[in-house]
Amino acid sequence: MSKERDTQRERGDSQAYLEKKKFFDGLLTVYGRKPVLEALQDKSTNIHRLHLAESNKSTEILDDIIRIAKAKGAEILYHSRNELSRISKNSSQDQGVAADLICRGFQTYDNFLQTNSDRKFTLLALDGISNPQNLGMIIRSACAGNIDGILLPQQGNAQIDPLVIKASAGTVFRAPILRCKNLTDALKEFKTAGATICSLSSHAKTTLKEFTPDKACIYVLGNETEGVSKEVSQLCNESIRIPMNNGVESLNVAVTAALIAFR
């Protein structure tokens, strides 16, 4: 009986850990006074914690941030400057303020795959998108269009910062962001689950308009100058092109994302 109780307790602990991990995977940390204020003013955002430097002096914008955070039920914590810089990961621009936002569209890719394995979903996978403005515009188009998720790896891409938030026009707070550590590993799992991995190439025979996948599909968008990496390219089992006129060789990656999102 004791052994059975121990087993049940371990299962409960494991489930509690998974639920806690899932919650924190859905958080987005925003830093800087104006970005935090604008994020809190967005009706679609909820806040888990507001982090403030103990050295902050009272100002109108800080008072507004604290007032809205309290109204949204946030936990407010005060830190030394060094402690706050470890939270924001950008001590030169955090201005003594960071906020952990609860974003309804944020989750890990494996959680998405587990709950959508039987769906014909459409994803964008970002492979080395280094320009924050491009990343923000891609997020905006995907959020507005017919995209079920954006695979955003922690490695090799611009990360969500005030520039990305501004370029996304605030849509990042409700966009379907799927987090992963490494894009290649994530795509392998999606491919094993039956998804089509599709790259874009000017040499492809099939055009975007002609391409009609009969199962889940992931469109890979590569780096602004280098394109899709070799490792990711080797995983692709489909290739399409966007027809160009007047000698134009390629489009901006954010424009390409918009065409896919509204195809």
Protein backbone atom coordinates (compact mmCIF):
# COMPACT_ATOMS: atom_id res chain seq x y z
CA MET A 1 0.00 0.00 0.00
CA SER A 2 2.85 2.37 0.86
CA LYS A 3 4.55 1.59 -2.43
CA GLU A 4 1.30 2.33 -4.31
CA ARG A 5 0.97 5.69 -2.53
CA ASP A 6 4.58 6.54 -3.42
CA THR A 7 3.91 5.71 -7.07
CA GLN A 8 0.78 7.89 -7.10
CA ARG A 9 2.73 10.72 -5.46
CA GLU A 10 5.49 10.46 -8.06
CA ARG A 11 2.93 10.57 -10.87
CA GLY A 12 1.34 13.60 -9.26
CA ASP A 13 4.72 15.32 -8.92
CA SER A 14 5.56 14.53 -12.52
CA GLN A 15 2.21 15.88 -13.76
CA ALA A 16 2.62 19.02 -11.66
CA TYR A 17 6.09 19.56 -13.10
CA LEU A 18 4.81 19.18 -16.67
CA GLU A 19 1.98 21.63 -16.02
CA LYS A 20 4.41 24.12 -14.49
CA LYS A 21 6.82 23.73 -17.41
CA LYS A 22 3.98 24.23 -19.90
CA PHE A 23 2.98 27.44 -18.12
CA PHE A 24 6.49 28.91 -18.14
CA ASP A 25 7.02 27.87 -21.77
CA GLY A 26 4.09 30.15 -22.58
CA LEU A 27 5.67 33.23 -21.03
CA LEU A 28 7.29 36.04 -22.99
CA THR A 29 9.67 38.36 -21.14
CA VAL A 30 9.48 41.95 -22.40
CA TYR A 31 11.86 44.65 -21.20
CA GLY A 32 12.14 48.45 -21.44
CA ARG A 33 9.69 50.96 -20.04
CA LYS A 34 7.78 51.88 -23.21
CA PRO A 35 7.57 48.31 -24.58
CA VAL A 36 6.34 47.01 -21.20
CA LEU A 37 3.75 49.79 -20.91
CA GLU A 38 2.48 49.20 -24.45
CA ALA A 39 2.32 45.46 -23.81
CA LEU A 40 0.29 45.95 -20.64
CA GLN A 41 -2.05 48.37 -22.42
CA ASP A 42 -2.84 45.68 -24.99
CA LYS A 43 -6.14 44.11 -23.92
CA SER A 44 -5.05 40.70 -25.20
CA THR A 45 -2.14 40.40 -22.75
CA ASN A 46 -2.06 39.05 -19.23
CA ILE A 47 0.94 39.48 -16.98
CA HIS A 48 2.42 36.95 -14.58
CA ARG A 49 5.18 39.01 -12.99
CA LEU A 50 6.49 42.55 -13.17
CA HIS A 51 10.20 42.87 -12.41
CA LEU A 52 11.56 46.24 -11.26
CA ALA A 53 15.02 47.47 -10.30
CA GLU A 54 15.25 48.62 -6.69
CA SER A 55 17.18 51.67 -7.91
CA ASN A 56 14.31 52.96 -10.08
CA LYS A 57 13.11 56.46 -9.28
CA SER A 58 9.41 57.25 -9.50
CA THR A 59 8.30 58.53 -12.91
CA GLU A 60 4.94 58.85 -14.62
CA ILE A 61 5.56 55.92 -16.97
CA LEU A 62 6.70 53.65 -14.11
CA ASP A 63 3.65 54.63 -12.07
CA ASP A 64 1.44 53.71 -15.04
CA ILE A 65 3.21 50.37 -15.48
CA ILE A 66 2.79 49.47 -11.81
CA ARG A 67 -0.86 50.60 -11.77
CA ILE A 68 -1.83 48.50 -14.82
CA ALA A 69 0.20 45.50 -13.61
CA LYS A 70 -1.62 45.58 -10.27
CA ALA A 71 -4.98 45.88 -12.03
CA LYS A 72 -4.13 42.78 -14.07
CA GLY A 73 -3.23 40.84 -10.93
CA ALA A 74 0.53 40.63 -11.49
CA GLU A 75 3.07 39.71 -8.87
CA ILE A 76 5.51 42.64 -8.51
CA LEU A 77 9.11 41.85 -7.60
CA TYR A 78 12.03 44.17 -6.91
CA HIS A 79 15.63 43.24 -7.80
CA SER A 80 19.15 44.57 -7.83
CA ARG A 81 20.33 45.81 -11.21
CA ASN A 82 22.42 42.66 -11.70
CA GLU A 83 19.48 40.41 -10.86
CA LEU A 84 17.20 42.29 -13.25
CA SER A 85 19.75 42.08 -16.08
CA ARG A 86 19.75 38.29 -15.72
CA ILE A 87 15.96 38.34 -16.19
CA SER A 88 15.86 40.76 -19.12
CA LYS A 89 19.11 39.45 -20.67
CA ASN A 90 19.68 43.00 -21.92
CA SER A 91 20.99 45.27 -19.18
CA SER A 92 21.78 48.10 -21.60
CA GLN A 93 18.15 48.47 -22.73
CA ASP A 94 15.87 47.16 -19.98
CA GLN A 95 15.66 50.56 -18.19
CA GLY A 96 15.05 48.79 -14.91
CA VAL A 97 11.83 47.09 -16.05
CA ALA A 98 10.88 43.63 -17.32
CA ALA A 99 7.56 41.79 -17.47
CA ASP A 100 6.66 38.11 -17.86
CA LEU A 101 3.63 38.08 -20.14
CA ILE A 102 1.21 35.19 -20.55
CA CYS A 103 0.78 34.83 -24.31
CA ARG A 104 -2.13 32.62 -25.32
CA GLY A 105 -0.46 31.55 -28.58
CA PHE A 106 2.91 30.53 -27.11
CA GLN A 107 3.72 26.87 -26.62
CA THR A 108 6.45 24.34 -27.34
CA TYR A 109 6.46 22.59 -30.69
CA ASP A 110 6.17 19.14 -29.11
CA ASN A 111 3.03 20.16 -27.24
CA PHE A 112 1.53 21.45 -30.51
CA LEU A 113 2.48 18.24 -32.31
CA GLN A 114 0.98 16.10 -29.58
CA THR A 115 -2.37 17.90 -29.72
CA ASN A 116 -2.54 18.41 -33.51
CA SER A 117 -1.04 15.23 -34.93
CA ASP A 118 -4.27 14.33 -36.72
CA ARG A 119 -4.83 17.80 -38.23
CA LYS A 120 -3.87 19.17 -41.65
CA PHE A 121 -2.04 22.18 -40.22
CA THR A 122 0.14 24.77 -41.92
CA LEU A 123 3.29 26.11 -40.25
CA LEU A 124 6.10 28.52 -41.03
CA ALA A 125 9.58 27.46 -39.88
CA LEU A 126 12.16 30.20 -39.46
CA ASP A 127 15.71 29.19 -40.31
CA GLY A 128 18.11 32.00 -39.44
CA ILE A 129 15.86 35.06 -39.75
CA SER A 130 18.28 37.57 -38.27
CA ASN A 131 16.56 40.90 -38.95
CA PRO A 132 14.17 41.88 -36.11
CA GLN A 133 11.97 43.89 -38.47
CA ASN A 134 11.58 40.91 -40.79
CA LEU A 135 10.74 38.66 -37.86
CA GLY A 136 8.11 41.10 -36.62
CA MET A 137 6.49 41.41 -40.05
CA ILE A 138 6.49 37.62 -40.51
CA ILE A 139 4.72 37.23 -37.17
CA ARG A 140 2.18 39.89 -38.16
CA SER A 141 1.37 38.22 -41.50
CA ALA A 142 1.16 34.75 -39.96
CA CYS A 143 -1.12 35.99 -37.20
CA ALA A 144 -3.43 37.69 -39.73
CA GLY A 145 -3.36 34.88 -42.30
CA ASN A 146 -3.99 31.16 -42.49
CA ILE A 147 -1.01 29.94 -40.48
CA ASP A 148 -1.44 27.60 -37.51
CA GLY A 149 1.99 28.17 -36.01
CA ILE A 150 5.44 29.70 -36.39
CA LEU A 151 8.36 27.44 -35.50
CA LEU A 152 10.80 29.86 -33.85
CA PRO A 153 14.05 28.23 -32.66
CA GLN A 154 16.05 29.70 -29.79
CA GLN A 155 19.19 29.29 -31.89
CA GLY A 156 20.08 31.28 -34.99
CA ASN A 157 17.14 33.69 -35.22
CA ALA A 158 16.47 37.18 -33.97
CA GLN A 159 14.73 36.87 -30.62
CA ILE A 160 11.57 38.68 -29.63
CA ASP A 161 12.64 42.12 -28.43
CA PRO A 162 11.18 45.67 -28.57
CA LEU A 163 12.09 46.00 -32.27
CA VAL A 164 10.27 42.76 -33.14
CA ILE A 165 7.26 43.76 -31.05
CA LYS A 166 7.07 47.12 -32.83
CA ALA A 167 7.39 45.58 -36.31
CA SER A 168 4.67 43.04 -35.45
CA ALA A 169 2.32 45.89 -34.46
CA GLY A 170 1.70 44.07 -31.18
CA THR A 171 0.45 40.86 -32.83
CA VAL A 172 3.30 38.92 -31.22
CA PHE A 173 1.27 38.85 -28.00
CA ARG A 174 -1.41 36.69 -29.64
CA ALA A 175 0.55 34.99 -32.44
CA PRO A 176 0.88 31.17 -32.52
CA ILE A 177 4.58 30.90 -31.64
CA LEU A 178 5.97 27.37 -31.33
CA ARG A 179 9.23 27.35 -29.43
CA CYS A 180 12.04 24.89 -30.05
CA LYS A 181 15.74 24.78 -29.24
CA ASN A 182 16.93 23.49 -32.58
CA LEU A 183 14.96 23.71 -35.84
CA THR A 184 16.51 20.61 -37.42
CA ASP A 185 15.52 18.39 -34.50
CA ALA A 186 11.98 19.80 -34.43
CA LEU A 187 11.49 19.34 -38.18
CA LYS A 188 12.64 15.73 -37.92
CA GLU A 189 9.87 15.04 -35.42
CA PHE A 190 7.25 16.72 -37.60
CA LYS A 191 8.47 14.79 -40.63
CA THR A 192 8.32 11.50 -38.73
CA ALA A 193 4.75 12.38 -37.78
CA GLY A 194 3.92 12.70 -41.49
CA ALA A 195 4.21 16.42 -42.21
CA THR A 196 5.58 17.69 -45.52
CA ILE A 197 8.63 19.94 -45.21
CA CYS A 198 8.68 22.48 -48.03
CA SER A 199 11.43 24.87 -49.12
CA LEU A 200 11.23 27.72 -51.61
CA SER A 201 13.52 27.77 -54.63
CA SER A 202 13.56 29.74 -57.87
CA HIS A 203 14.51 26.46 -59.63
CA ALA A 204 11.48 24.49 -58.40
CA LYS A 205 9.03 23.22 -61.03
CA THR A 206 5.88 23.70 -58.92
CA THR A 207 4.62 27.20 -58.12
CA LEU A 208 3.11 28.29 -54.81
CA LYS A 209 -0.29 28.61 -56.48
CA GLU A 210 -0.11 25.08 -57.90
CA PHE A 211 1.08 23.47 -54.68
CA THR A 212 -1.79 21.75 -52.87
CA PRO A 213 -0.43 19.51 -50.09
CA ASP A 214 -2.79 16.77 -48.97
CA LYS A 215 -1.44 16.67 -45.42
CA ALA A 216 0.17 18.91 -42.81
CA CYS A 217 2.81 21.17 -44.34
CA ILE A 218 5.68 23.27 -43.01
CA TYR A 219 7.09 26.05 -45.19
CA VAL A 220 10.72 26.84 -44.35
CA LEU A 221 11.86 30.46 -44.63
CA GLY A 222 15.64 30.86 -44.76
CA ASN A 223 18.15 33.51 -43.80
CA GLU A 224 17.91 36.86 -45.59
CA THR A 225 21.24 36.39 -47.42
CA GLU A 226 22.20 32.71 -47.11
CA GLY A 227 18.78 31.13 -47.54
CA VAL A 228 17.85 27.79 -45.98
CA SER A 229 20.70 26.06 -44.15
CA LYS A 230 22.15 22.82 -45.54
CA GLU A 231 20.94 20.74 -42.58
CA VAL A 232 17.36 21.96 -42.94
CA SER A 233 17.41 21.79 -46.74
CA GLN A 234 18.24 18.09 -46.57
CA LEU A 235 15.03 17.48 -44.61
CA CYS A 236 12.77 19.12 -47.18
CA ASN A 237 10.79 16.71 -49.36
CA GLU A 238 9.01 19.39 -51.44
CA SER A 239 10.18 22.57 -53.18
CA ILE A 240 8.10 25.38 -54.66
CA ARG A 241 8.75 28.71 -56.34
CA ILE A 242 7.07 32.08 -56.55
CA PRO A 243 6.99 33.24 -60.20
CA MET A 244 8.89 36.51 -60.78
CA ASN A 245 8.56 39.10 -63.53
CA ASN A 246 10.87 41.78 -64.93
CA GLY A 247 14.07 40.02 -63.95
CA VAL A 248 13.40 40.11 -60.21
CA GLU A 249 15.28 37.23 -58.59
CA SER A 250 13.81 37.11 -55.08
CA LEU A 251 11.45 38.71 -52.59
CA ASN A 252 11.99 39.93 -49.05
CA VAL A 253 11.44 37.01 -46.66
CA ALA A 254 8.61 38.83 -44.85
CA VAL A 255 6.81 39.38 -48.19
CA THR A 256 7.23 35.68 -48.98
CA ALA A 257 5.72 34.81 -45.60
CA ALA A 258 2.71 37.03 -46.35
CA LEU A 259 2.13 35.33 -49.72
CA ILE A 260 2.16 31.91 -48.04
CA ALA A 261 -0.10 33.07 -45.22
CA PHE A 262 -2.75 34.33 -47.63
CA ARG A 263 -2.35 31.80 -50.47
